[in-house]
Amino acid sequence: MNAAGKHSSGSGAGRRKAPPPGKDAADVKVVCRNRRARERYTVERTFEAGIELLGTEVKALRDGEADIADAYAVLQDGQVVLLNFHIAPYKSGGYVNHAPRRPRRLLLHRREIKRLIGRVAERGNTLIPLTVYFKKGWAKVELALAKGKATIDRREEIRKRDVEREERQGGRR
């Protein structure tokens, strides 16, 4: 019943409320980033994938207990699997805790997986995670199809950065 003593007609009942001001419906909370990925690899394309996790893994991720520095993804039996992704054991997990570096399945559409199969087979291409985050409450990973950079390329980039930095600082002095 509403304030006038009448039952609501049902219009609007069950509708979702608008998010409070300052909160976006697609609120994204970044858990960890692979900072060295863009230094070591040339990123060709990025994908957003869900991660199949256990309960204690989700709780540990929400606490920010994760590391993707050494992680990479491979194609196994028509599925994309994330390897070497470290999620620390949940502090209050007890005996039901997960293995920290277990393989975790990534959730992609079948057409995306088929597209990746051909691209990863090319020489030098690999799948690396760039960012792990929560989007609308779901754990996601930004996955990149990348090609490894040669040491010479990395050194050149560092030199260019140093020269640009010196030019900026030289103008101030």
C-alpha atoms as a PDB file:
ATOM      1  CA  MET A   1       0.000   0.000   0.000  1.00  0.00           C
ATOM      2  CA  ASN A   2       1.166   3.480  -0.730  1.00  0.00           C
ATOM      3  CA  ALA A   3       0.648   6.674   1.298  1.00  0.00           C
ATOM      4  CA  ALA A   4      -2.855   7.160  -0.162  1.00  0.00           C
ATOM      5  CA  GLY A   5      -3.914   3.730   1.090  1.00  0.00           C
ATOM      6  CA  LYS A   6      -4.060   2.206  -2.394  1.00  0.00           C
ATOM      7  CA  HIS A   7      -2.206  -0.797  -3.754  1.00  0.00           C
ATOM      8  CA  SER A   8       0.398  -0.036  -6.370  1.00  0.00           C
ATOM      9  CA  SER A   9      -0.611  -0.897  -9.917  1.00  0.00           C
ATOM     10  CA  GLY A  10       2.576  -2.819 -10.501  1.00  0.00           C
ATOM     11  CA  SER A  11       4.032  -0.397 -13.002  1.00  0.00           C
ATOM     12  CA  GLY A  12       7.618   0.034 -11.972  1.00  0.00           C
ATOM     13  CA  ALA A  13       7.498  -2.836  -9.497  1.00  0.00           C
ATOM     14  CA  GLY A  14      10.536  -5.024  -9.923  1.00  0.00           C
ATOM     15  CA  ARG A  15      12.492  -2.379 -11.806  1.00  0.00           C
ATOM     16  CA  ARG A  16      16.065  -1.842 -10.792  1.00  0.00           C
ATOM     17  CA  LYS A  17      16.834   1.373  -9.035  1.00  0.00           C
ATOM     18  CA  ALA A  18      19.335   3.754 -10.563  1.00  0.00           C
ATOM     19  CA  PRO A  19      22.757   3.537  -8.959  1.00  0.00           C
ATOM     20  CA  PRO A  20      23.458   6.137  -6.286  1.00  0.00           C
ATOM     21  CA  PRO A  21      25.181   9.327  -7.479  1.00  0.00           C
ATOM     22  CA  GLY A  22      28.901   8.850  -7.962  1.00  0.00           C
ATOM     23  CA  LYS A  23      28.514   5.090  -8.425  1.00  0.00           C
ATOM     24  CA  ASP A  24      28.476   3.760 -11.962  1.00  0.00           C
ATOM     25  CA  ALA A  25      26.496   0.619 -12.767  1.00  0.00           C
ATOM     26  CA  ALA A  26      29.626  -0.815 -14.394  1.00  0.00           C
ATOM     27  CA  ASP A  27      31.807  -0.096 -11.368  1.00  0.00           C
ATOM     28  CA  VAL A  28      35.243  -1.616 -11.928  1.00  0.00           C
ATOM     29  CA  LYS A  29      37.605  -2.468  -9.059  1.00  0.00           C
ATOM     30  CA  VAL A  30      41.114  -3.285 -10.283  1.00  0.00           C
ATOM     31  CA  VAL A  31      42.782  -6.055  -8.266  1.00  0.00           C
ATOM     32  CA  CYS A  32      46.200  -6.234  -9.966  1.00  0.00           C
ATOM     33  CA  ARG A  33      48.014  -5.148 -13.119  1.00  0.00           C
ATOM     34  CA  ASN A  34      50.805  -6.719 -15.141  1.00  0.00           C
ATOM     35  CA  ARG A  35      53.033  -3.639 -15.248  1.00  0.00           C
ATOM     36  CA  ARG A  36      55.860  -5.180 -17.238  1.00  0.00           C
ATOM     37  CA  ALA A  37      53.625  -6.675 -19.942  1.00  0.00           C
ATOM     38  CA  ARG A  38      53.668  -3.624 -22.207  1.00  0.00           C
ATOM     39  CA  GLU A  39      57.452  -3.350 -21.812  1.00  0.00           C
ATOM     40  CA  ARG A  40      58.111  -6.980 -22.724  1.00  0.00           C
ATOM     41  CA  TYR A  41      55.394  -7.507 -25.352  1.00  0.00           C
ATOM     42  CA  THR A  42      53.809  -5.722 -28.289  1.00  0.00           C
ATOM     43  CA  VAL A  43      50.058  -5.944 -27.678  1.00  0.00           C
ATOM     44  CA  GLU A  44      48.085  -6.681 -30.852  1.00  0.00           C
ATOM     45  CA  ARG A  45      44.588  -7.140 -29.435  1.00  0.00           C
ATOM     46  CA  THR A  46      42.866  -7.353 -26.051  1.00  0.00           C
ATOM     47  CA  PHE A  47      39.952  -9.462 -24.834  1.00  0.00           C
ATOM     48  CA  GLU A  48      37.845  -9.419 -21.679  1.00  0.00           C
ATOM     49  CA  ALA A  49      37.352 -12.866 -20.173  1.00  0.00           C
ATOM     50  CA  GLY A  50      35.674 -14.161 -17.057  1.00  0.00           C
ATOM     51  CA  ILE A  51      37.644 -16.355 -14.654  1.00  0.00           C
ATOM     52  CA  GLU A  52      36.333 -19.616 -13.206  1.00  0.00           C
ATOM     53  CA  LEU A  53      37.211 -19.344  -9.502  1.00  0.00           C
ATOM     54  CA  LEU A  54      36.568 -21.140  -6.226  1.00  0.00           C
ATOM     55  CA  GLY A  55      34.972 -19.340  -3.273  1.00  0.00           C
ATOM     56  CA  THR A  56      38.191 -18.792  -1.335  1.00  0.00           C
ATOM     57  CA  GLU A  57      39.865 -17.478  -4.504  1.00  0.00           C
ATOM     58  CA  VAL A  58      37.166 -14.844  -4.940  1.00  0.00           C
ATOM     59  CA  LYS A  59      37.545 -13.747  -1.317  1.00  0.00           C
ATOM     60  CA  ALA A  60      41.342 -13.572  -1.591  1.00  0.00           C
ATOM     61  CA  LEU A  61      41.019 -11.580  -4.843  1.00  0.00           C
ATOM     62  CA  ARG A  62      38.681  -9.109  -3.161  1.00  0.00           C
ATOM     63  CA  ASP A  63      41.402  -8.636  -0.521  1.00  0.00           C
ATOM     64  CA  GLY A  64      43.862  -7.876  -3.346  1.00  0.00           C
ATOM     65  CA  GLU A  65      45.980 -10.984  -2.760  1.00  0.00           C
ATOM     66  CA  ALA A  66      46.972 -11.767  -6.368  1.00  0.00           C
ATOM     67  CA  ASP A  67      49.967 -11.594  -8.709  1.00  0.00           C
ATOM     68  CA  ILE A  68      49.870 -11.905 -12.515  1.00  0.00           C
ATOM     69  CA  ALA A  69      53.481 -10.927 -13.279  1.00  0.00           C
ATOM     70  CA  ASP A  70      54.458 -14.435 -14.465  1.00  0.00           C
ATOM     71  CA  ALA A  71      51.036 -15.541 -15.703  1.00  0.00           C
ATOM     72  CA  TYR A  72      50.169 -16.575 -19.253  1.00  0.00           C
ATOM     73  CA  ALA A  73      47.284 -18.327 -21.003  1.00  0.00           C
ATOM     74  CA  VAL A  74      47.283 -21.388 -23.252  1.00  0.00           C
ATOM     75  CA  LEU A  75      44.708 -23.217 -25.351  1.00  0.00           C
ATOM     76  CA  GLN A  76      43.952 -26.729 -24.047  1.00  0.00           C
ATOM     77  CA  ASP A  77      41.213 -28.951 -25.466  1.00  0.00           C
ATOM     78  CA  GLY A  78      39.357 -26.006 -27.014  1.00  0.00           C
ATOM     79  CA  GLN A  79      39.466 -23.979 -23.788  1.00  0.00           C
ATOM     80  CA  VAL A  80      41.619 -21.072 -22.661  1.00  0.00           C
ATOM     81  CA  VAL A  81      43.452 -21.792 -19.396  1.00  0.00           C
ATOM     82  CA  LEU A  82      45.346 -19.243 -17.305  1.00  0.00           C
ATOM     83  CA  LEU A  83      48.563 -20.673 -15.858  1.00  0.00           C
ATOM     84  CA  ASN A  84      50.954 -19.385 -13.202  1.00  0.00           C
ATOM     85  CA  PHE A  85      48.393 -16.876 -11.865  1.00  0.00           C
ATOM     86  CA  HIS A  86      49.067 -16.657  -8.131  1.00  0.00           C
ATOM     87  CA  ILE A  87      46.143 -16.060  -5.759  1.00  0.00           C
ATOM     88  CA  ALA A  88      47.317 -16.237  -2.149  1.00  0.00           C
ATOM     89  CA  PRO A  89      45.386 -18.563   0.185  1.00  0.00           C
ATOM     90  CA  TYR A  90      42.463 -16.839   1.895  1.00  0.00           C
ATOM     91  CA  LYS A  91      43.394 -15.955   5.471  1.00  0.00           C
ATOM     92  CA  SER A  92      40.162 -17.313   6.958  1.00  0.00           C
ATOM     93  CA  GLY A  93      39.915 -20.254   4.538  1.00  0.00           C
ATOM     94  CA  GLY A  94      41.114 -22.962   6.896  1.00  0.00           C
ATOM     95  CA  TYR A  95      41.391 -26.447   5.420  1.00  0.00           C
ATOM     96  CA  VAL A  96      39.150 -25.638   2.427  1.00  0.00           C
ATOM     97  CA  ASN A  97      41.681 -23.270   0.854  1.00  0.00           C
ATOM     98  CA  HIS A  98      42.709 -23.456  -2.793  1.00  0.00           C
ATOM     99  CA  ALA A  99      46.090 -24.200  -4.389  1.00  0.00           C
ATOM    100  CA  PRO A 100      47.715 -20.787  -5.051  1.00  0.00           C
ATOM    101  CA  ARG A 101      48.955 -21.439  -8.620  1.00  0.00           C
ATOM    102  CA  ARG A 102      46.361 -23.887  -9.936  1.00  0.00           C
ATOM    103  CA  PRO A 103      45.288 -23.612 -13.621  1.00  0.00           C
ATOM    104  CA  ARG A 104      42.161 -21.464 -13.982  1.00  0.00           C
ATOM    105  CA  ARG A 105      39.765 -21.697 -16.906  1.00  0.00           C
ATOM    106  CA  LEU A 106      38.934 -18.455 -18.705  1.00  0.00           C
ATOM    107  CA  LEU A 107      35.400 -17.876 -19.924  1.00  0.00           C
ATOM    108  CA  LEU A 108      35.249 -16.645 -23.517  1.00  0.00           C
ATOM    109  CA  HIS A 109      32.672 -16.990 -26.274  1.00  0.00           C
ATOM    110  CA  ARG A 110      33.309 -19.914 -28.609  1.00  0.00           C
ATOM    111  CA  ARG A 111      33.845 -17.599 -31.592  1.00  0.00           C
ATOM    112  CA  GLU A 112      36.535 -15.697 -29.646  1.00  0.00           C
ATOM    113  CA  ILE A 113      38.305 -18.956 -28.797  1.00  0.00           C
ATOM    114  CA  LYS A 114      38.206 -20.064 -32.462  1.00  0.00           C
ATOM    115  CA  ARG A 115      39.683 -16.717 -33.491  1.00  0.00           C
ATOM    116  CA  LEU A 116      42.445 -17.120 -30.906  1.00  0.00           C
ATOM    117  CA  ILE A 117      43.350 -20.669 -31.977  1.00  0.00           C
ATOM    118  CA  GLY A 118      44.651 -19.488 -35.348  1.00  0.00           C
ATOM    119  CA  ARG A 119      46.380 -16.391 -34.002  1.00  0.00           C
ATOM    120  CA  VAL A 120      48.209 -18.120 -31.132  1.00  0.00           C
ATOM    121  CA  ALA A 121      49.491 -20.814 -33.492  1.00  0.00           C
ATOM    122  CA  GLU A 122      51.444 -18.113 -35.384  1.00  0.00           C
ATOM    123  CA  ARG A 123      55.088 -17.939 -34.429  1.00  0.00           C
ATOM    124  CA  GLY A 124      55.824 -15.638 -31.495  1.00  0.00           C
ATOM    125  CA  ASN A 125      52.231 -14.952 -30.419  1.00  0.00           C
ATOM    126  CA  THR A 126      51.193 -15.553 -26.828  1.00  0.00           C
ATOM    127  CA  LEU A 127      48.302 -14.751 -24.494  1.00  0.00           C
ATOM    128  CA  ILE A 128      49.146 -12.670 -21.439  1.00  0.00           C
ATOM    129  CA  PRO A 129      46.921 -11.150 -18.744  1.00  0.00           C
ATOM    130  CA  LEU A 130      47.170  -7.367 -18.433  1.00  0.00           C
ATOM    131  CA  THR A 131      44.706  -6.647 -15.624  1.00  0.00           C
ATOM    132  CA  VAL A 132      42.528  -8.568 -13.166  1.00  0.00           C
ATOM    133  CA  TYR A 133      39.455  -6.707 -11.932  1.00  0.00           C
ATOM    134  CA  PHE A 134      35.893  -7.017 -10.672  1.00  0.00           C
ATOM    135  CA  LYS A 135      33.162  -5.694 -12.963  1.00  0.00           C
ATOM    136  CA  LYS A 136      29.597  -5.715 -11.643  1.00  0.00           C
ATOM    137  CA  GLY A 137      30.733  -8.226  -9.022  1.00  0.00           C
ATOM    138  CA  TRP A 138      32.262 -10.687 -11.509  1.00  0.00           C
ATOM    139  CA  ALA A 139      35.994 -11.442 -11.655  1.00  0.00           C
ATOM    140  CA  LYS A 140      37.400 -10.567 -15.084  1.00  0.00           C
ATOM    141  CA  VAL A 141      40.797 -10.573 -16.742  1.00  0.00           C
ATOM    142  CA  GLU A 142      41.950  -8.342 -19.597  1.00  0.00           C
ATOM    143  CA  LEU A 143      43.771 -10.795 -21.838  1.00  0.00           C
ATOM    144  CA  ALA A 144      46.145  -9.628 -24.588  1.00  0.00           C
ATOM    145  CA  LEU A 145      47.234 -11.367 -27.750  1.00  0.00           C
ATOM    146  CA  ALA A 146      50.859 -10.247 -27.818  1.00  0.00           C
ATOM    147  CA  LYS A 147      54.206 -10.799 -29.465  1.00  0.00           C
ATOM    148  CA  GLY A 148      57.411 -10.779 -27.417  1.00  0.00           C
ATOM    149  CA  LYS A 149      59.810  -7.881 -27.963  1.00  0.00           C
ATOM    150  CA  ALA A 150      63.483  -8.470 -28.637  1.00  0.00           C
ATOM    151  CA  THR A 151      65.966  -7.165 -26.065  1.00  0.00           C
ATOM    152  CA  ILE A 152      67.216  -4.607 -28.604  1.00  0.00           C
ATOM    153  CA  ASP A 153      63.695  -3.198 -29.045  1.00  0.00           C
ATOM    154  CA  ARG A 154      63.314  -2.829 -25.283  1.00  0.00           C
ATOM    155  CA  ARG A 155      66.654  -1.057 -24.975  1.00  0.00           C
ATOM    156  CA  GLU A 156      65.692   1.313 -27.800  1.00  0.00           C
ATOM    157  CA  GLU A 157      62.444   2.189 -26.032  1.00  0.00           C
ATOM    158  CA  ILE A 158      64.311   2.906 -22.799  1.00  0.00           C
ATOM    159  CA  ARG A 159      66.784   5.165 -24.653  1.00  0.00           C
ATOM    160  CA  LYS A 160      63.937   7.090 -26.319  1.00  0.00           C
ATOM    161  CA  ARG A 161      62.222   7.568 -22.961  1.00  0.00           C
ATOM    162  CA  ASP A 162      65.446   8.803 -21.372  1.00  0.00           C
ATOM    163  CA  VAL A 163      66.058  11.291 -24.210  1.00  0.00           C
ATOM    164  CA  GLU A 164      62.495  12.640 -23.946  1.00  0.00           C
ATOM    165  CA  ARG A 165      62.833  12.961 -20.178  1.00  0.00           C
ATOM    166  CA  GLU A 166      66.130  14.846 -20.510  1.00  0.00           C
ATOM    167  CA  GLU A 167      64.609  17.211 -23.096  1.00  0.00           C
ATOM    168  CA  ARG A 168      61.699  18.007 -20.781  1.00  0.00           C
ATOM    169  CA  GLN A 169      64.000  18.598 -17.819  1.00  0.00           C
ATOM    170  CA  GLY A 170      66.454  20.609 -19.935  1.00  0.00           C
ATOM    171  CA  GLY A 171      63.684  23.057 -20.864  1.00  0.00           C
ATOM    172  CA  ARG A 172      62.908  23.727 -17.195  1.00  0.00           C
ATOM    173  CA  ARG A 173      66.450  24.551 -16.096  1.00  0.00           C
END
